[in-house]
């Protein structure tokens, strides 16, 4: 994750966020495709962007993690993790839950 401003991106304060990051629930497994979809958006309405991370192959169902934004940036404290099973989505074979993270007015892409 890189931070930016009107003048562009910077590596100052950059971070790598993965299953192995303290506070991120789950375990790194081959083929989960963690972070194949990412979206920064203020989903809580507090004026700070949250980071949503999709993993469409997590346990063959797919999942999404929400890392909350705070005054210092993105926090791994209190990460919300939601899988297809958690919300009652039934999948057969490939789940694709979390393949795309859309915001108002956007349409998710179709998996290739």
PDB file of N, CA and C in Angstrom:
ATOM      1  N   UNK A   1       0.850  -1.151   0.000  1.00  0.00           N
ATOM      2  CA  UNK A   1       0.000   0.000   0.000  1.00  0.00           C
ATOM      3  C   UNK A   1       0.907   1.227   0.000  1.00  0.00           C
ATOM      4  N   UNK A   2       0.653   2.122  -0.947  1.00  0.00           N
ATOM      5  CA  UNK A   2       1.386   3.373  -1.037  1.00  0.00           C
ATOM      6  C   UNK A   2       0.435   4.520  -0.706  1.00  0.00           C
ATOM      7  N   UNK A   3       0.962   5.528  -0.080  1.00  0.00           N
ATOM      8  CA  UNK A   3       0.169   6.720   0.200  1.00  0.00           C
ATOM      9  C   UNK A   3       0.420   7.742  -0.886  1.00  0.00           C
ATOM     10  N   UNK A   4      -0.516   8.658  -1.074  1.00  0.00           N
ATOM     11  CA  UNK A   4      -0.369   9.656  -2.100  1.00  0.00           C
ATOM     12  C   UNK A   4      -1.054  10.954  -1.727  1.00  0.00           C
ATOM     13  N   UNK A   5      -0.866  11.910  -2.587  1.00  0.00           N
ATOM     14  CA  UNK A   5      -1.480  13.225  -2.426  1.00  0.00           C
ATOM     15  C   UNK A   5      -1.677  13.802  -3.823  1.00  0.00           C
ATOM     16  N   UNK A   6      -2.062  15.065  -3.893  1.00  0.00           N
ATOM     17  CA  UNK A   6      -2.252  15.709  -5.186  1.00  0.00           C
ATOM     18  C   UNK A   6      -0.965  15.713  -6.011  1.00  0.00           C
ATOM     19  N   UNK A   7       0.186  15.610  -5.339  1.00  0.00           N
ATOM     20  CA  UNK A   7       1.461  15.624  -6.064  1.00  0.00           C
ATOM     21  C   UNK A   7       1.937  14.231  -6.465  1.00  0.00           C
ATOM     22  N   UNK A   8       1.205  13.177  -6.095  1.00  0.00           N
ATOM     23  CA  UNK A   8       1.556  11.829  -6.530  1.00  0.00           C
ATOM     24  C   UNK A   8       1.752  10.857  -5.386  1.00  0.00           C
ATOM     25  N   UNK A   9       2.224   9.651  -5.741  1.00  0.00           N
ATOM     26  CA  UNK A   9       2.458   8.588  -4.766  1.00  0.00           C
ATOM     27  C   UNK A   9       3.802   8.758  -4.078  1.00  0.00           C
ATOM     28  N   UNK A  10       3.887   8.188  -2.884  1.00  0.00           N
ATOM     29  CA  UNK A  10       5.148   8.196  -2.164  1.00  0.00           C
ATOM     30  C   UNK A  10       5.367   6.830  -1.524  1.00  0.00           C
ATOM     31  N   UNK A  11       6.612   6.444  -1.372  1.00  0.00           N
ATOM     32  CA  UNK A  11       6.914   5.202  -0.665  1.00  0.00           C
ATOM     33  C   UNK A  11       7.036   5.444   0.837  1.00  0.00           C
ATOM     34  N   UNK A  12       7.019   6.694   1.254  1.00  0.00           N
ATOM     35  CA  UNK A  12       7.079   7.021   2.678  1.00  0.00           C
ATOM     36  C   UNK A  12       5.844   6.462   3.371  1.00  0.00           C
ATOM     37  N   UNK A  13       6.059   5.635   4.374  1.00  0.00           N
ATOM     38  CA  UNK A  13       4.952   5.030   5.108  1.00  0.00           C
ATOM     39  C   UNK A  13       4.298   3.859   4.397  1.00  0.00           C
ATOM     40  N   UNK A  14       4.875   3.406   3.266  1.00  0.00           N
ATOM     41  CA  UNK A  14       4.277   2.293   2.532  1.00  0.00           C
ATOM     42  C   UNK A  14       4.250   1.032   3.390  1.00  0.00           C
ATOM     43  N   UNK A  15       3.275   0.161   3.110  1.00  0.00           N
ATOM     44  CA  UNK A  15       3.100  -1.060   3.898  1.00  0.00           C
ATOM     45  C   UNK A  15       2.724  -2.234   3.011  1.00  0.00           C
ATOM     46  N   UNK A  16       3.145  -3.401   3.425  1.00  0.00           N
ATOM     47  CA  UNK A  16       2.713  -4.644   2.811  1.00  0.00           C
ATOM     48  C   UNK A  16       1.679  -5.255   3.744  1.00  0.00           C
ATOM     49  N   UNK A  17       0.500  -5.534   3.219  1.00  0.00           N
ATOM     50  CA  UNK A  17      -0.557  -6.156   4.023  1.00  0.00           C
ATOM     51  C   UNK A  17      -0.874  -7.497   3.396  1.00  0.00           C
ATOM     52  N   UNK A  18      -0.803  -8.551   4.214  1.00  0.00           N
ATOM     53  CA  UNK A  18      -1.061  -9.908   3.747  1.00  0.00           C
ATOM     54  C   UNK A  18      -1.687 -10.708   4.880  1.00  0.00           C
ATOM     55  N   UNK A  19      -1.950 -11.981   4.626  1.00  0.00           N
ATOM     56  CA  UNK A  19      -2.426 -12.868   5.690  1.00  0.00           C
ATOM     57  C   UNK A  19      -1.435 -12.914   6.848  1.00  0.00           C
ATOM     58  N   UNK A  20      -0.179 -12.693   6.545  1.00  0.00           N
ATOM     59  CA  UNK A  20       0.848 -12.774   7.579  1.00  0.00           C
ATOM     60  C   UNK A  20       1.011 -11.479   8.370  1.00  0.00           C
ATOM     61  N   UNK A  21       0.203 -10.465   8.058  1.00  0.00           N
ATOM     62  CA  UNK A  21       0.243  -9.204   8.788  1.00  0.00           C
ATOM     63  C   UNK A  21      -0.520  -9.364  10.098  1.00  0.00           C
ATOM     64  N   UNK A  22       0.099  -8.974  11.179  1.00  0.00           N
ATOM     65  CA  UNK A  22      -0.543  -9.060  12.488  1.00  0.00           C
ATOM     66  C   UNK A  22      -1.890  -8.340  12.457  1.00  0.00           C
ATOM     67  N   UNK A  23      -2.938  -9.013  12.929  1.00  0.00           N
ATOM     68  CA  UNK A  23      -4.273  -8.442  12.976  1.00  0.00           C
ATOM     69  C   UNK A  23      -5.160  -8.844  11.817  1.00  0.00           C
ATOM     70  N   UNK A  24      -4.570  -9.384  10.739  1.00  0.00           N
ATOM     71  CA  UNK A  24      -5.358  -9.834   9.590  1.00  0.00           C
ATOM     72  C   UNK A  24      -5.707 -11.301   9.796  1.00  0.00           C
ATOM     73  N   UNK A  25      -7.007 -11.603   9.965  1.00  0.00           N
ATOM     74  CA  UNK A  25      -7.393 -12.997  10.206  1.00  0.00           C
ATOM     75  C   UNK A  25      -7.172 -13.881   8.982  1.00  0.00           C
ATOM     76  N   UNK A  26      -6.905 -15.149   9.222  1.00  0.00           N
ATOM     77  CA  UNK A  26      -6.724 -16.116   8.154  1.00  0.00           C
ATOM     78  C   UNK A  26      -5.288 -16.606   8.097  1.00  0.00           C
ATOM     79  N   UNK A  27      -5.075 -17.505   7.180  1.00  0.00           N
ATOM     80  CA  UNK A  27      -3.750 -18.095   7.005  1.00  0.00           C
ATOM     81  C   UNK A  27      -3.387 -18.066   5.524  1.00  0.00           C
ATOM     82  N   UNK A  28      -2.139 -17.779   5.241  1.00  0.00           N
ATOM     83  CA  UNK A  28      -1.666 -17.759   3.858  1.00  0.00           C
ATOM     84  C   UNK A  28      -1.706 -19.165   3.287  1.00  0.00           C
ATOM     85  N   UNK A  29      -2.442 -19.309   2.189  1.00  0.00           N
ATOM     86  CA  UNK A  29      -2.558 -20.601   1.503  1.00  0.00           C
ATOM     87  C   UNK A  29      -2.360 -20.358   0.011  1.00  0.00           C
ATOM     88  N   UNK A  30      -1.724 -21.276  -0.656  1.00  0.00           N
ATOM     89  CA  UNK A  30      -1.513 -21.164  -2.084  1.00  0.00           C
ATOM     90  C   UNK A  30      -2.851 -21.073  -2.809  1.00  0.00           C
ATOM     91  N   UNK A  31      -2.965 -20.101  -3.708  1.00  0.00           N
ATOM     92  CA  UNK A  31      -4.139 -20.010  -4.563  1.00  0.00           C
ATOM     93  C   UNK A  31      -5.312 -19.212  -4.021  1.00  0.00           C
ATOM     94  N   UNK A  32      -5.208 -18.616  -2.837  1.00  0.00           N
ATOM     95  CA  UNK A  32      -6.328 -17.833  -2.300  1.00  0.00           C
ATOM     96  C   UNK A  32      -6.552 -16.536  -3.070  1.00  0.00           C
ATOM     97  N   UNK A  33      -5.512 -16.030  -3.702  1.00  0.00           N
ATOM     98  CA  UNK A  33      -5.571 -14.769  -4.446  1.00  0.00           C
ATOM     99  C   UNK A  33      -5.923 -13.585  -3.557  1.00  0.00           C
ATOM    100  N   UNK A  34      -5.316 -13.564  -2.361  1.00  0.00           N
ATOM    101  CA  UNK A  34      -5.519 -12.446  -1.440  1.00  0.00           C
ATOM    102  C   UNK A  34      -5.116 -11.146  -2.118  1.00  0.00           C
ATOM    103  N   UNK A  35      -5.953 -10.197  -2.109  1.00  0.00           N
ATOM    104  CA  UNK A  35      -5.797  -8.853  -2.669  1.00  0.00           C
ATOM    105  C   UNK A  35      -5.978  -8.804  -4.183  1.00  0.00           C
ATOM    106  N   UNK A  36      -6.676  -9.775  -4.780  1.00  0.00           N
ATOM    107  CA  UNK A  36      -6.923  -9.655  -6.215  1.00  0.00           C
ATOM    108  C   UNK A  36      -7.890  -8.527  -6.506  1.00  0.00           C
ATOM    109  N   UNK A  37      -8.602  -8.078  -5.486  1.00  0.00           N
ATOM    110  CA  UNK A  37      -9.416  -6.872  -5.598  1.00  0.00           C
ATOM    111  C   UNK A  37      -9.152  -6.033  -4.349  1.00  0.00           C
ATOM    112  N   UNK A  38      -8.925  -4.753  -4.544  1.00  0.00           N
ATOM    113  CA  UNK A  38      -8.750  -3.836  -3.420  1.00  0.00           C
ATOM    114  C   UNK A  38      -9.539  -2.565  -3.708  1.00  0.00           C
ATOM    115  N   UNK A  39     -10.009  -1.920  -2.656  1.00  0.00           N
ATOM    116  CA  UNK A  39     -10.765  -0.686  -2.822  1.00  0.00           C
ATOM    117  C   UNK A  39     -10.595   0.180  -1.584  1.00  0.00           C
ATOM    118  N   UNK A  40     -10.223   1.415  -1.782  1.00  0.00           N
ATOM    119  CA  UNK A  40     -10.214   2.397  -0.707  1.00  0.00           C
ATOM    120  C   UNK A  40     -11.499   3.203  -0.824  1.00  0.00           C
ATOM    121  N   UNK A  41     -12.291   3.221   0.233  1.00  0.00           N
ATOM    122  CA  UNK A  41     -13.544   3.968   0.227  1.00  0.00           C
ATOM    123  C   UNK A  41     -13.959   4.246   1.666  1.00  0.00           C
ATOM    124  N   UNK A  42     -14.585   5.356   1.892  1.00  0.00           N
ATOM    125  CA  UNK A  42     -15.088   5.688   3.218  1.00  0.00           C
ATOM    126  C   UNK A  42     -16.433   4.993   3.409  1.00  0.00           C
ATOM    127  N   UNK A  43     -16.401   3.747   3.812  1.00  0.00           N
ATOM    128  CA  UNK A  43     -17.638   2.978   3.972  1.00  0.00           C
ATOM    129  C   UNK A  43     -18.324   3.235   5.308  1.00  0.00           C
ATOM    130  N   UNK A  44     -17.627   3.818   6.268  1.00  0.00           N
ATOM    131  CA  UNK A  44     -18.235   4.096   7.573  1.00  0.00           C
ATOM    132  C   UNK A  44     -18.759   5.522   7.681  1.00  0.00           C
ATOM    133  N   UNK A  45     -18.451   6.370   6.711  1.00  0.00           N
ATOM    134  CA  UNK A  45     -18.938   7.739   6.710  1.00  0.00           C
ATOM    135  C   UNK A  45     -18.250   8.657   7.704  1.00  0.00           C
ATOM    136  N   UNK A  46     -17.038   8.286   8.139  1.00  0.00           N
ATOM    137  CA  UNK A  46     -16.327   9.108   9.122  1.00  0.00           C
ATOM    138  C   UNK A  46     -15.280  10.033   8.496  1.00  0.00           C
ATOM    139  N   UNK A  47     -15.241  10.082   7.167  1.00  0.00           N
ATOM    140  CA  UNK A  47     -14.280  10.939   6.491  1.00  0.00           C
ATOM    141  C   UNK A  47     -12.915  10.303   6.278  1.00  0.00           C
ATOM    142  N   UNK A  48     -12.760   9.040   6.676  1.00  0.00           N
ATOM    143  CA  UNK A  48     -11.493   8.320   6.492  1.00  0.00           C
ATOM    144  C   UNK A  48     -11.753   7.075   5.649  1.00  0.00           C
ATOM    145  N   UNK A  49     -10.844   6.799   4.734  1.00  0.00           N
ATOM    146  CA  UNK A  49     -11.023   5.648   3.850  1.00  0.00           C
ATOM    147  C   UNK A  49     -10.695   4.346   4.561  1.00  0.00           C
ATOM    148  N   UNK A  50     -11.528   3.341   4.327  1.00  0.00           N
ATOM    149  CA  UNK A  50     -11.247   1.982   4.754  1.00  0.00           C
ATOM    150  C   UNK A  50     -10.678   1.232   3.555  1.00  0.00           C
ATOM    151  N   UNK A  51      -9.910   0.181   3.834  1.00  0.00           N
ATOM    152  CA  UNK A  51      -9.335  -0.651   2.786  1.00  0.00           C
ATOM    153  C   UNK A  51     -10.071  -1.981   2.755  1.00  0.00           C
ATOM    154  N   UNK A  52     -10.754  -2.253   1.646  1.00  0.00           N
ATOM    155  CA  UNK A  52     -11.408  -3.543   1.443  1.00  0.00           C
ATOM    156  C   UNK A  52     -10.482  -4.393   0.582  1.00  0.00           C
ATOM    157  N   UNK A  53     -10.303  -5.647   0.984  1.00  0.00           N
ATOM    158  CA  UNK A  53      -9.421  -6.573   0.275  1.00  0.00           C
ATOM    159  C   UNK A  53     -10.208  -7.839  -0.054  1.00  0.00           C
ATOM    160  N   UNK A  54     -10.240  -8.202  -1.326  1.00  0.00           N
ATOM    161  CA  UNK A  54     -10.940  -9.403  -1.757  1.00  0.00           C
ATOM    162  C   UNK A  54      -9.999 -10.559  -1.988  1.00  0.00           C
ATOM    163  N   UNK A  55     -10.477 -11.746  -1.660  1.00  0.00           N
ATOM    164  CA  UNK A  55      -9.740 -12.984  -1.880  1.00  0.00           C
ATOM    165  C   UNK A  55     -10.728 -14.006  -2.446  1.00  0.00           C
ATOM    166  N   UNK A  56     -10.944 -14.013  -3.760  1.00  0.00           N
ATOM    167  CA  UNK A  56     -12.016 -14.802  -4.350  1.00  0.00           C
ATOM    168  C   UNK A  56     -11.869 -16.318  -4.246  1.00  0.00           C
ATOM    169  N   UNK A  57     -10.701 -16.802  -3.908  1.00  0.00           N
ATOM    170  CA  UNK A  57     -10.511 -18.251  -3.795  1.00  0.00           C
ATOM    171  C   UNK A  57     -10.307 -18.707  -2.362  1.00  0.00           C
ATOM    172  N   UNK A  58     -10.513 -17.825  -1.399  1.00  0.00           N
ATOM    173  CA  UNK A  58     -10.369 -18.192   0.018  1.00  0.00           C
ATOM    174  C   UNK A  58     -11.271 -19.383   0.328  1.00  0.00           C
ATOM    175  N   UNK A  59     -10.653 -20.498   0.680  1.00  0.00           N
ATOM    176  CA  UNK A  59     -11.367 -21.736   1.014  1.00  0.00           C
ATOM    177  C   UNK A  59     -12.397 -22.135  -0.035  1.00  0.00           C
ATOM    178  N   UNK A  60     -12.134 -21.826  -1.292  1.00  0.00           N
ATOM    179  CA  UNK A  60     -12.984 -22.142  -2.447  1.00  0.00           C
ATOM    180  C   UNK A  60     -14.316 -21.408  -2.451  1.00  0.00           C
ATOM    181  N   UNK A  61     -14.532 -20.496  -1.522  1.00  0.00           N
ATOM    182  CA  UNK A  61     -15.776 -19.731  -1.468  1.00  0.00           C
ATOM    183  C   UNK A  61     -15.546 -18.258  -1.752  1.00  0.00           C
ATOM    184  N   UNK A  62     -14.449 -17.729  -1.235  1.00  0.00           N
ATOM    185  CA  UNK A  62     -14.146 -16.314  -1.370  1.00  0.00           C
ATOM    186  C   UNK A  62     -14.441 -15.561  -0.090  1.00  0.00           C
ATOM    187  N   UNK A  63     -13.738 -14.445   0.104  1.00  0.00           N
ATOM    188  CA  UNK A  63     -13.917 -13.635   1.303  1.00  0.00           C
ATOM    189  C   UNK A  63     -13.470 -12.208   1.035  1.00  0.00           C
ATOM    190  N   UNK A  64     -13.911 -11.313   1.924  1.00  0.00           N
ATOM    191  CA  UNK A  64     -13.527  -9.906   1.877  1.00  0.00           C
ATOM    192  C   UNK A  64     -13.130  -9.480   3.282  1.00  0.00           C
ATOM    193  N   UNK A  65     -12.044  -8.713   3.375  1.00  0.00           N
ATOM    194  CA  UNK A  65     -11.583  -8.142   4.649  1.00  0.00           C
ATOM    195  C   UNK A  65     -11.764  -6.645   4.569  1.00  0.00           C
ATOM    196  N   UNK A  66     -12.145  -6.023   5.690  1.00  0.00           N
ATOM    197  CA  UNK A  66     -12.257  -4.579   5.771  1.00  0.00           C
ATOM    198  C   UNK A  66     -11.336  -4.077   6.873  1.00  0.00           C
ATOM    199  N   UNK A  67     -10.335  -3.293   6.473  1.00  0.00           N
ATOM    200  CA  UNK A  67      -9.401  -2.685   7.419  1.00  0.00           C
ATOM    201  C   UNK A  67      -9.815  -1.235   7.593  1.00  0.00           C
ATOM    202  N   UNK A  68     -10.038  -0.844   8.811  1.00  0.00           N
ATOM    203  CA  UNK A  68     -10.572   0.483   9.096  1.00  0.00           C
ATOM    204  C   UNK A  68      -9.510   1.570   8.955  1.00  0.00           C
ATOM    205  N   UNK A  69      -9.979   2.732   8.538  1.00  0.00           N
ATOM    206  CA  UNK A  69      -9.111   3.889   8.436  1.00  0.00           C
ATOM    207  C   UNK A  69      -9.133   4.676   9.740  1.00  0.00           C
ATOM    208  N   UNK A  70      -8.001   5.257  10.083  1.00  0.00           N
ATOM    209  CA  UNK A  70      -7.932   6.122  11.259  1.00  0.00           C
ATOM    210  C   UNK A  70      -7.031   7.309  10.940  1.00  0.00           C
ATOM    211  N   UNK A  71      -6.733   8.122  11.928  1.00  0.00           N
ATOM    212  CA  UNK A  71      -5.943   9.332  11.686  1.00  0.00           C
ATOM    213  C   UNK A  71      -4.523   9.029  11.218  1.00  0.00           C
ATOM    214  N   UNK A  72      -4.043   7.799  11.431  1.00  0.00           N
ATOM    215  CA  UNK A  72      -2.691   7.412  11.009  1.00  0.00           C
ATOM    216  C   UNK A  72      -2.673   6.685   9.672  1.00  0.00           C
ATOM    217  N   UNK A  73      -3.853   6.369   9.122  1.00  0.00           N
ATOM    218  CA  UNK A  73      -3.930   5.613   7.873  1.00  0.00           C
ATOM    219  C   UNK A  73      -4.832   4.404   8.027  1.00  0.00           C
ATOM    220  N   UNK A  74      -4.364   3.252   7.592  1.00  0.00           N
ATOM    221  CA  UNK A  74      -5.130   2.009   7.674  1.00  0.00           C
ATOM    222  C   UNK A  74      -4.671   1.221   8.885  1.00  0.00           C
ATOM    223  N   UNK A  75      -5.635   0.700   9.649  1.00  0.00           N
ATOM    224  CA  UNK A  75      -5.327  -0.041  10.869  1.00  0.00           C
ATOM    225  C   UNK A  75      -5.652  -1.526  10.704  1.00  0.00           C
ATOM    226  N   UNK A  76      -4.855  -2.375  11.324  1.00  0.00           N
ATOM    227  CA  UNK A  76      -5.148  -3.810  11.339  1.00  0.00           C
ATOM    228  C   UNK A  76      -5.773  -4.211  12.674  1.00  0.00           C
ATOM    229  N   UNK A  77      -6.233  -3.241  13.417  1.00  0.00           N
ATOM    230  CA  UNK A  77      -6.948  -3.508  14.660  1.00  0.00           C
ATOM    231  C   UNK A  77      -8.436  -3.616  14.348  1.00  0.00           C
ATOM    232  N   UNK A  78      -9.065  -4.692  14.760  1.00  0.00           N
ATOM    233  CA  UNK A  78     -10.498  -4.866  14.533  1.00  0.00           C
ATOM    234  C   UNK A  78     -10.877  -5.126  13.091  1.00  0.00           C
ATOM    235  N   UNK A  79     -10.039  -5.851  12.361  1.00  0.00           N
ATOM    236  CA  UNK A  79     -10.321  -6.159  10.958  1.00  0.00           C
ATOM    237  C   UNK A  79     -11.598  -7.004  10.873  1.00  0.00           C
ATOM    238  N   UNK A  80     -12.487  -6.627   9.961  1.00  0.00           N
ATOM    239  CA  UNK A  80     -13.711  -7.378   9.708  1.00  0.00           C
ATOM    240  C   UNK A  80     -13.455  -8.321   8.539  1.00  0.00           C
ATOM    241  N   UNK A  81     -13.772  -9.597   8.714  1.00  0.00           N
ATOM    242  CA  UNK A  81     -13.605 -10.597   7.664  1.00  0.00           C
ATOM    243  C   UNK A  81     -14.965 -11.229   7.393  1.00  0.00           C
ATOM    244  N   UNK A  82     -15.375 -11.238   6.124  1.00  0.00           N
ATOM    245  CA  UNK A  82     -16.668 -11.797   5.740  1.00  0.00           C
ATOM    246  C   UNK A  82     -16.446 -12.757   4.584  1.00  0.00           C
ATOM    247  N   UNK A  83     -16.912 -14.006   4.737  1.00  0.00           N
ATOM    248  CA  UNK A  83     -16.789 -14.983   3.660  1.00  0.00           C
ATOM    249  C   UNK A  83     -18.150 -15.195   3.007  1.00  0.00           C
ATOM    250  N   UNK A  84     -18.138 -15.845   1.860  1.00  0.00           N
ATOM    251  CA  UNK A  84     -19.387 -16.175   1.175  1.00  0.00           C
ATOM    252  C   UNK A  84     -20.287 -16.993   2.098  1.00  0.00           C
ATOM    253  N   UNK A  85     -19.706 -17.910   2.817  1.00  0.00           N
ATOM    254  CA  UNK A  85     -20.491 -18.732   3.757  1.00  0.00           C
ATOM    255  C   UNK A  85     -21.130 -17.879   4.850  1.00  0.00           C
ATOM    256  N   UNK A  86     -20.392 -16.856   5.337  1.00  0.00           N
ATOM    257  CA  UNK A  86     -20.914 -16.001   6.403  1.00  0.00           C
ATOM    258  C   UNK A  86     -22.212 -15.307   6.008  1.00  0.00           C
ATOM    259  N   UNK A  87     -22.331 -14.955   4.738  1.00  0.00           N
ATOM    260  CA  UNK A  87     -23.520 -14.226   4.279  1.00  0.00           C
ATOM    261  C   UNK A  87     -24.514 -15.120   3.541  1.00  0.00           C
ATOM    262  N   UNK A  88     -24.286 -16.440   3.593  1.00  0.00           N
ATOM    263  CA  UNK A  88     -25.230 -17.387   3.022  1.00  0.00           C
ATOM    264  C   UNK A  88     -25.157 -17.554   1.523  1.00  0.00           C
ATOM    265  N   UNK A  89     -24.037 -17.156   0.911  1.00  0.00           N
ATOM    266  CA  UNK A  89     -23.872 -17.349  -0.526  1.00  0.00           C
ATOM    267  C   UNK A  89     -23.423 -18.777  -0.774  1.00  0.00           C
ATOM    268  N   UNK A  90     -24.182 -19.490  -1.574  1.00  0.00           N
ATOM    269  CA  UNK A  90     -23.836 -20.858  -1.922  1.00  0.00           C
ATOM    270  C   UNK A  90     -23.031 -20.844  -3.209  1.00  0.00           C
ATOM    271  N   UNK A  91     -21.920 -21.540  -3.191  1.00  0.00           N
ATOM    272  CA  UNK A  91     -21.081 -21.598  -4.382  1.00  0.00           C
ATOM    273  C   UNK A  91     -20.899 -23.043  -4.797  1.00  0.00           C
ATOM    274  N   UNK A  92     -20.636 -23.221  -6.055  1.00  0.00           N
ATOM    275  CA  UNK A  92     -20.353 -24.547  -6.586  1.00  0.00           C
ATOM    276  C   UNK A  92     -19.015 -24.462  -7.304  1.00  0.00           C
ATOM    277  N   UNK A  93     -18.024 -25.163  -6.789  1.00  0.00           N
ATOM    278  CA  UNK A  93     -16.696 -25.074  -7.394  1.00  0.00           C
ATOM    279  C   UNK A  93     -16.024 -23.771  -7.013  1.00  0.00           C
ATOM    280  N   UNK A  94     -15.829 -22.890  -7.978  1.00  0.00           N
ATOM    281  CA  UNK A  94     -15.159 -21.616  -7.753  1.00  0.00           C
ATOM    282  C   UNK A  94     -16.141 -20.589  -7.213  1.00  0.00           C
ATOM    283  N   UNK A  95     -15.842 -20.026  -6.059  1.00  0.00           N
ATOM    284  CA  UNK A  95     -16.760 -19.109  -5.418  1.00  0.00           C
ATOM    285  C   UNK A  95     -16.830 -17.723  -6.022  1.00  0.00           C
ATOM    286  N   UNK A  96     -15.703 -17.093  -6.211  1.00  0.00           N
ATOM    287  CA  UNK A  96     -15.564 -15.748  -6.760  1.00  0.00           C
ATOM    288  C   UNK A  96     -16.114 -14.643  -5.858  1.00  0.00           C
ATOM    289  N   UNK A  97     -16.555 -14.964  -4.645  1.00  0.00           N
ATOM    290  CA  UNK A  97     -16.976 -13.913  -3.712  1.00  0.00           C
ATOM    291  C   UNK A  97     -15.759 -13.064  -3.396  1.00  0.00           C
ATOM    292  N   UNK A  98     -15.822 -11.775  -3.609  1.00  0.00           N
ATOM    293  CA  UNK A  98     -14.683 -10.898  -3.381  1.00  0.00           C
ATOM    294  C   UNK A  98     -13.836 -10.658  -4.619  1.00  0.00           C
ATOM    295  N   UNK A  99     -14.297 -11.118  -5.803  1.00  0.00           N
ATOM    296  CA  UNK A  99     -13.519 -10.928  -7.029  1.00  0.00           C
ATOM    297  C   UNK A  99     -13.485  -9.459  -7.443  1.00  0.00           C
ATOM    298  N   UNK A 100     -14.515  -8.718  -7.087  1.00  0.00           N
ATOM    299  CA  UNK A 100     -14.579  -7.294  -7.419  1.00  0.00           C
ATOM    300  C   UNK A 100     -15.214  -6.548  -6.253  1.00  0.00           C
ATOM    301  N   UNK A 101     -14.759  -5.341  -6.028  1.00  0.00           N
ATOM    302  CA  UNK A 101     -15.282  -4.501  -4.953  1.00  0.00           C
ATOM    303  C   UNK A 101     -15.740  -3.200  -5.586  1.00  0.00           C
ATOM    304  N   UNK A 102     -17.030  -3.045  -5.767  1.00  0.00           N
ATOM    305  CA  UNK A 102     -17.578  -1.880  -6.457  1.00  0.00           C
ATOM    306  C   UNK A 102     -18.039  -0.820  -5.471  1.00  0.00           C
ATOM    307  N   UNK A 103     -18.094   0.406  -5.941  1.00  0.00           N
ATOM    308  CA  UNK A 103     -18.676   1.499  -5.183  1.00  0.00           C
ATOM    309  C   UNK A 103     -19.885   2.001  -5.966  1.00  0.00           C
ATOM    310  N   UNK A 104     -20.621   2.912  -5.412  1.00  0.00           N
ATOM    311  CA  UNK A 104     -21.822   3.425  -6.045  1.00  0.00           C
ATOM    312  C   UNK A 104     -21.556   3.827  -7.491  1.00  0.00           C
ATOM    313  N   UNK A 105     -22.401   3.336  -8.381  1.00  0.00           N
ATOM    314  CA  UNK A 105     -22.285   3.701  -9.789  1.00  0.00           C
ATOM    315  C   UNK A 105     -21.326   2.849 -10.590  1.00  0.00           C
ATOM    316  N   UNK A 106     -20.652   1.899  -9.955  1.00  0.00           N
ATOM    317  CA  UNK A 106     -19.716   1.038 -10.673  1.00  0.00           C
ATOM    318  C   UNK A 106     -20.296  -0.351 -10.813  1.00  0.00           C
ATOM    319  N   UNK A 107     -19.900  -1.028 -11.847  1.00  0.00           N
ATOM    320  CA  UNK A 107     -20.317  -2.400 -12.078  1.00  0.00           C
ATOM    321  C   UNK A 107     -19.125  -3.322 -11.910  1.00  0.00           C
ATOM    322  N   UNK A 108     -19.276  -4.436 -11.152  1.00  0.00           N
ATOM    323  CA  UNK A 108     -18.152  -5.367 -11.014  1.00  0.00           C
ATOM    324  C   UNK A 108     -17.821  -6.020 -12.360  1.00  0.00           C
ATOM    325  N   UNK A 109     -16.566  -6.397 -12.513  1.00  0.00           N
ATOM    326  CA  UNK A 109     -16.147  -7.048 -13.758  1.00  0.00           C
ATOM    327  C   UNK A 109     -16.483  -8.531 -13.699  1.00  0.00           C
ATOM    328  N   UNK A 110     -16.633  -9.128 -14.857  1.00  0.00           N
ATOM    329  CA  UNK A 110     -16.897 -10.559 -14.952  1.00  0.00           C
ATOM    330  C   UNK A 110     -15.584 -11.304 -14.900  1.00  0.00           C
ATOM    331  N   UNK A 111     -15.492 -12.378 -14.073  1.00  0.00           N
ATOM    332  CA  UNK A 111     -14.241 -13.144 -14.003  1.00  0.00           C
ATOM    333  C   UNK A 111     -13.862 -13.702 -15.374  1.00  0.00           C
ATOM    334  N   UNK A 112     -12.566 -13.748 -15.663  1.00  0.00           N
ATOM    335  CA  UNK A 112     -12.079 -14.262 -16.952  1.00  0.00           C
ATOM    336  C   UNK A 112     -12.158 -15.764 -16.988  1.00  0.00           C
TER     337      UNK A 112
END
